[in-house]
């Protein structure tokens, strides 16, 4: 965060002295990294905390909540950047391309270093939101450098607000995907890599399971997925029930990487008022 704050100060001075709206917009964009990095850091620390009497599932979704917050702020910010760019297109201002170029080169070095440091953790939704954010920053810096060269050779000052408009569009496009995915998880949506019918059919392969219904799949955050279901079995001894329960957990864990499985065993068929939208239970 210290490097990011120093970068923001440098871009603000460079934007003011160089009269570049693209550079100022990029400074505001980078300023949004500060709370984003802070929230994401706290989220990662919270996610490591064990479950307690208040948060019985733990704090796995802290990172998802941080990703949702960051992406929502970026959507609002990108809309504002677009508005400012359109206003400058209507009234172009003479820019100092040298300030644009050297300030953006320094910014590119900082953003490039952050992006390379995060690229290995791109599987985590929270860290991916930061990765995309910094990758967009790096592309913005490259665009400003190229734009400064073109402005210096042609004197086309309208390129500067056009770059600002492009930066806003890039941020908007990248943020909407994170916003959609994080909201899907926060609303208990099914993990995209899992299909309810496939999980149900796999559970039916367990010896003794005759019917599966009321199946629910959701994610607690990251790759920590959970499953709950009702399974119909014949009348048998408790020891046999325990064997079936363990077999179901093994199938869920090994075939689908589901970490938390809850099973209700029943002798009856589908309840009169099932909470699942499946039209009919899966049977052998």
Protein backbone atom coordinates (compact mmCIF):
# COMPACT_ATOMS: atom_id res chain seq x y z
CA UNK A 1 0.00 0.00 0.00
CA UNK A 2 2.94 2.35 0.63
CA UNK A 3 4.10 1.99 -2.99
CA UNK A 4 0.55 2.51 -4.22
CA UNK A 5 0.14 5.73 -2.20
CA UNK A 6 3.47 7.02 -3.49
CA UNK A 7 2.34 6.18 -7.01
CA UNK A 8 -0.93 8.08 -6.54
CA UNK A 9 0.92 11.19 -5.34
CA UNK A 10 3.30 11.00 -8.31
CA UNK A 11 0.45 10.62 -10.81
CA UNK A 12 -1.52 13.49 -9.29
CA UNK A 13 1.46 15.81 -9.59
CA UNK A 14 2.20 14.49 -13.07
CA UNK A 15 -1.41 14.93 -14.14
CA UNK A 16 -1.63 18.47 -12.82
CA UNK A 17 1.71 19.59 -14.23
CA UNK A 18 1.12 17.74 -17.49
CA UNK A 19 -2.58 18.76 -17.70
CA UNK A 20 -3.44 15.13 -18.49
CA UNK A 21 -6.92 13.86 -17.63
CA UNK A 22 -5.81 10.30 -18.44
CA UNK A 23 -3.05 10.54 -15.83
CA UNK A 24 -5.37 12.05 -13.22
CA UNK A 25 -7.97 9.38 -13.92
CA UNK A 26 -5.32 6.73 -13.50
CA UNK A 27 -4.28 8.33 -10.20
CA UNK A 28 -7.86 8.11 -8.94
CA UNK A 29 -7.98 4.55 -10.19
CA UNK A 30 -4.81 3.68 -8.29
CA UNK A 31 -6.11 5.48 -5.21
CA UNK A 32 -8.96 2.96 -5.13
CA UNK A 33 -6.30 0.23 -4.78
CA UNK A 34 -5.49 1.43 -1.25
CA UNK A 35 -8.81 0.49 0.40
CA UNK A 36 -9.07 -2.51 -1.93
CA UNK A 37 -5.72 -3.89 -0.78
CA UNK A 38 -6.54 -3.11 2.84
CA UNK A 39 -9.94 -4.83 2.71
CA UNK A 40 -8.50 -7.81 0.85
CA UNK A 41 -5.69 -8.21 3.38
CA UNK A 42 -8.14 -8.17 6.28
CA UNK A 43 -10.38 -10.62 4.40
CA UNK A 44 -7.53 -13.10 3.94
CA UNK A 45 -6.68 -12.90 7.63
CA UNK A 46 -10.33 -13.34 8.63
CA UNK A 47 -10.70 -16.35 6.31
CA UNK A 48 -8.00 -18.14 8.33
CA UNK A 49 -9.92 -17.75 11.59
CA UNK A 50 -11.60 -20.92 12.89
CA UNK A 51 -15.36 -21.31 13.23
CA UNK A 52 -16.94 -20.07 16.45
CA UNK A 53 -20.36 -19.88 18.08
CA UNK A 54 -21.30 -16.86 15.95
CA UNK A 55 -19.78 -17.87 12.59
CA UNK A 56 -20.38 -21.62 12.70
CA UNK A 57 -19.07 -22.09 9.14
CA UNK A 58 -16.03 -19.95 9.80
CA UNK A 59 -14.97 -16.84 7.88
CA UNK A 60 -14.35 -18.34 4.45
CA UNK A 61 -16.63 -15.84 2.73
CA UNK A 62 -14.73 -12.81 4.00
CA UNK A 63 -12.69 -12.86 0.78
CA UNK A 64 -15.82 -13.12 -1.37
CA UNK A 65 -17.36 -10.15 0.44
CA UNK A 66 -14.17 -8.16 -0.11
CA UNK A 67 -14.20 -9.01 -3.82
CA UNK A 68 -17.83 -7.88 -4.07
CA UNK A 69 -17.05 -4.59 -2.31
CA UNK A 70 -13.97 -3.88 -4.43
CA UNK A 71 -15.70 -4.63 -7.72
CA UNK A 72 -18.76 -2.53 -6.81
CA UNK A 73 -16.55 0.47 -6.03
CA UNK A 74 -14.68 -0.04 -9.31
CA UNK A 75 -17.90 -0.08 -11.32
CA UNK A 76 -18.89 3.30 -9.85
CA UNK A 77 -15.38 4.63 -10.40
CA UNK A 78 -15.26 3.53 -14.04
CA UNK A 79 -18.55 5.31 -14.75
CA UNK A 80 -17.14 8.49 -13.25
CA UNK A 81 -13.93 8.17 -15.29
CA UNK A 82 -16.01 7.78 -18.43
CA UNK A 83 -17.97 10.93 -17.68
CA UNK A 84 -14.81 12.97 -17.08
CA UNK A 85 -13.28 11.70 -20.32
CA UNK A 86 -16.37 12.66 -22.35
CA UNK A 87 -16.27 16.18 -20.87
CA UNK A 88 -12.62 16.54 -21.84
CA UNK A 89 -13.35 15.27 -25.36
CA UNK A 90 -15.79 18.14 -25.73
CA UNK A 91 -13.18 20.64 -24.56
CA UNK A 92 -9.64 19.34 -25.28
CA UNK A 93 -6.74 20.80 -23.25
CA UNK A 94 -3.08 21.10 -24.26
CA UNK A 95 -1.13 18.41 -22.38
CA UNK A 96 2.57 18.09 -21.55
CA UNK A 97 3.43 14.67 -22.94
CA UNK A 98 6.78 14.40 -21.13
CA UNK A 99 5.04 14.35 -17.75
CA UNK A 100 2.59 11.76 -19.03
CA UNK A 101 5.36 9.50 -20.30
CA UNK A 102 7.78 9.50 -17.36
CA UNK A 103 5.10 9.31 -14.68
CA UNK A 104 3.40 6.40 -16.45
CA UNK A 105 6.71 4.56 -16.82
CA UNK A 106 7.20 4.74 -13.05
CA UNK A 107 3.62 3.63 -12.48
CA UNK A 108 4.06 0.72 -14.88
CA UNK A 109 7.05 -0.55 -12.89
CA UNK A 110 5.01 -0.54 -9.64
CA UNK A 111 1.85 -2.09 -11.12
CA UNK A 112 3.83 -4.66 -13.07
CA UNK A 113 5.60 -5.81 -9.92
CA UNK A 114 2.31 -6.18 -8.02
CA UNK A 115 0.71 -8.10 -10.91
CA UNK A 116 3.60 -10.57 -11.15
CA UNK A 117 3.48 -11.12 -7.39
CA UNK A 118 -0.25 -11.99 -7.53
CA UNK A 119 -0.43 -14.03 -10.74
CA UNK A 120 0.18 -17.35 -8.96
CA UNK A 121 -2.82 -16.76 -6.67
CA UNK A 122 -5.31 -15.99 -9.45
CA UNK A 123 -7.52 -18.96 -8.44
CA UNK A 124 -8.71 -17.09 -5.35
CA UNK A 125 -11.64 -14.79 -6.15
CA UNK A 126 -10.52 -12.11 -3.73
CA UNK A 127 -6.92 -12.05 -5.01
CA UNK A 128 -8.13 -12.32 -8.61
CA UNK A 129 -10.07 -9.08 -8.21
CA UNK A 130 -6.82 -7.38 -7.11
CA UNK A 131 -4.87 -9.09 -9.92
CA UNK A 132 -7.30 -7.90 -12.59
CA UNK A 133 -7.29 -4.45 -11.05
CA UNK A 134 -3.49 -4.16 -11.22
CA UNK A 135 -3.31 -5.77 -14.65
CA UNK A 136 -5.72 -3.09 -15.85
CA UNK A 137 -3.52 -0.46 -14.22
CA UNK A 138 -0.52 -1.77 -16.14
CA UNK A 139 -2.37 -1.69 -19.45
CA UNK A 140 -3.52 1.85 -18.67
CA UNK A 141 0.08 2.91 -18.08
CA UNK A 142 1.20 1.42 -21.38
CA UNK A 143 -1.66 3.15 -23.20
CA UNK A 144 -0.76 6.50 -21.64
CA UNK A 145 2.90 6.09 -22.63
CA UNK A 146 1.94 5.30 -26.24
CA UNK A 147 -0.57 8.16 -26.22
CA UNK A 148 2.06 10.59 -24.95
CA UNK A 149 4.37 9.62 -27.82
CA UNK A 150 1.59 10.10 -30.38
CA UNK A 151 0.54 13.44 -28.87
CA UNK A 152 4.15 14.64 -28.95
CA UNK A 153 4.46 13.80 -32.65
CA UNK A 154 1.03 14.87 -33.87
CA UNK A 155 -0.28 17.38 -31.30
CA UNK A 156 -3.60 15.49 -31.14
CA UNK A 157 -4.67 16.38 -27.60
CA UNK A 158 -7.99 14.55 -27.97
CA UNK A 159 -6.03 11.30 -27.52
CA UNK A 160 -5.64 12.02 -23.80
CA UNK A 161 -9.39 11.98 -22.92
CA UNK A 162 -9.88 9.08 -25.33
CA UNK A 163 -7.36 7.10 -23.27
CA UNK A 164 -9.24 8.08 -20.13
CA UNK A 165 -12.44 6.75 -21.67
CA UNK A 166 -10.71 3.50 -22.60
CA UNK A 167 -9.35 3.07 -19.07
CA UNK A 168 -12.86 3.51 -17.65
CA UNK A 169 -14.29 0.95 -20.08
CA UNK A 170 -11.55 -1.56 -19.22
CA UNK A 171 -12.16 -1.22 -15.49
CA UNK A 172 -15.93 -1.53 -15.99
CA UNK A 173 -15.61 -4.70 -18.09
CA UNK A 174 -13.22 -6.44 -15.68
CA UNK A 175 -15.16 -5.46 -12.57
CA UNK A 176 -18.59 -6.61 -13.73
CA UNK A 177 -17.39 -10.21 -14.04
CA UNK A 178 -16.03 -10.22 -10.47
CA UNK A 179 -19.20 -8.51 -9.21
CA UNK A 180 -21.40 -11.12 -10.89
CA UNK A 181 -19.39 -14.08 -9.59
CA UNK A 182 -19.04 -12.80 -6.02
CA UNK A 183 -22.74 -11.94 -5.77
CA UNK A 184 -23.55 -15.44 -7.07
CA UNK A 185 -21.55 -16.98 -4.21
CA UNK A 186 -22.98 -14.61 -1.60
CA UNK A 187 -26.48 -15.62 -2.70
CA UNK A 188 -25.67 -19.31 -2.08
CA UNK A 189 -25.33 -20.03 -5.79
CA UNK A 190 -24.16 -23.40 -7.05
CA UNK A 191 -20.41 -23.56 -7.75
CA UNK A 192 -20.01 -23.39 -11.53
CA UNK A 193 -17.83 -26.48 -11.69
CA UNK A 194 -20.46 -28.67 -10.01
CA UNK A 195 -23.75 -29.96 -11.49
CA UNK A 196 -26.49 -31.13 -9.14
CA UNK A 197 -27.63 -34.03 -11.33
CA UNK A 198 -24.07 -35.36 -11.70
CA UNK A 199 -23.51 -35.27 -7.95
CA UNK A 200 -26.84 -37.05 -7.34
CA UNK A 201 -26.00 -39.79 -9.86
CA UNK A 202 -22.59 -40.29 -8.25
CA UNK A 203 -24.17 -40.68 -4.79
CA UNK A 204 -26.52 -43.32 -6.25
CA UNK A 205 -23.50 -45.50 -7.05
CA UNK A 206 -22.96 -46.02 -3.32
CA UNK A 207 -24.18 -49.47 -2.34
CA UNK A 208 -27.40 -49.26 -0.34
CA UNK A 209 -28.52 -45.82 -1.60
CA UNK A 210 -31.84 -46.17 -3.45
CA UNK A 211 -32.87 -42.55 -3.91
CA UNK A 212 -31.37 -39.06 -3.58
CA UNK A 213 -33.33 -35.83 -3.24
CA UNK A 214 -33.27 -32.35 -1.66
CA UNK A 215 -29.72 -31.82 -2.96
CA UNK A 216 -28.03 -28.48 -2.26
CA UNK A 217 -24.60 -27.30 -3.43
CA UNK A 218 -22.96 -24.05 -2.40
CA UNK A 219 -19.56 -22.50 -1.78
CA UNK A 220 -18.26 -21.16 1.51
CA UNK A 221 -15.60 -19.21 -0.36
CA UNK A 222 -12.68 -19.99 -2.64
CA UNK A 223 -12.66 -23.73 -3.40
CA UNK A 224 -14.32 -24.72 -0.12
CA UNK A 225 -17.60 -26.27 -1.35
CA UNK A 226 -20.43 -27.79 0.68
CA UNK A 227 -23.17 -30.35 -0.01
CA UNK A 228 -26.35 -31.39 1.76
CA UNK A 229 -28.79 -34.10 0.64
CA UNK A 230 -31.39 -36.66 1.68
CA UNK A 231 -30.70 -40.30 0.81
CA UNK A 232 -33.22 -43.14 0.94
CA UNK A 233 -31.89 -46.46 2.20
CA UNK A 234 -33.47 -49.78 3.21
CA UNK A 235 -33.96 -50.73 6.85
CA UNK A 236 -30.55 -51.73 8.23
CA UNK A 237 -28.35 -51.75 11.31
CA UNK A 238 -26.73 -48.51 12.51
CA UNK A 239 -23.26 -49.81 11.62
CA UNK A 240 -24.36 -50.19 8.00
CA UNK A 241 -25.78 -46.66 8.05
CA UNK A 242 -22.40 -45.34 9.18
CA UNK A 243 -20.71 -47.19 6.33
CA UNK A 244 -23.07 -45.59 3.79
CA UNK A 245 -22.55 -42.13 5.29
CA UNK A 246 -18.77 -42.48 5.04
CA UNK A 247 -19.03 -43.80 1.47
CA UNK A 248 -21.14 -40.79 0.44
CA UNK A 249 -18.62 -38.40 1.99
CA UNK A 250 -15.77 -40.15 0.16
CA UNK A 251 -17.56 -39.86 -3.19
CA UNK A 252 -18.26 -36.17 -2.61
CA UNK A 253 -14.69 -35.48 -1.53
CA UNK A 254 -12.73 -37.50 -4.10
CA UNK A 255 -14.89 -36.99 -7.20
CA UNK A 256 -16.09 -33.43 -6.63
CA UNK A 257 -13.68 -32.00 -4.02
CA UNK A 258 -16.53 -31.12 -1.68
CA UNK A 259 -15.12 -30.40 1.76
CA UNK A 260 -18.30 -30.28 3.85
CA UNK A 261 -21.04 -32.91 3.35
CA UNK A 262 -24.25 -33.26 5.36
CA UNK A 263 -26.47 -36.30 4.73
CA UNK A 264 -29.92 -37.11 6.09
CA UNK A 265 -30.79 -40.80 5.77
CA UNK A 266 -34.47 -41.72 5.30
CA UNK A 267 -36.60 -44.79 4.77
CA UNK A 268 -39.40 -42.79 3.10
CA UNK A 269 -39.46 -41.35 -0.43
CA UNK A 270 -39.50 -37.70 -1.43
CA UNK A 271 -41.12 -35.60 1.33
CA UNK A 272 -44.44 -33.93 0.56
CA UNK A 273 -42.83 -30.51 0.85
CA UNK A 274 -39.28 -30.77 -0.46
CA UNK A 275 -37.11 -27.68 -0.39
CA UNK A 276 -35.40 -28.52 -3.66
CA UNK A 277 -36.61 -27.55 -7.13
CA UNK A 278 -35.70 -30.90 -8.73
CA UNK A 279 -38.91 -32.15 -10.41
CA UNK A 280 -38.42 -35.72 -9.19
CA UNK A 281 -35.88 -37.60 -7.07
CA UNK A 282 -32.93 -39.36 -8.63
CA UNK A 283 -33.44 -43.13 -8.46
CA UNK A 284 -31.56 -46.25 -9.50
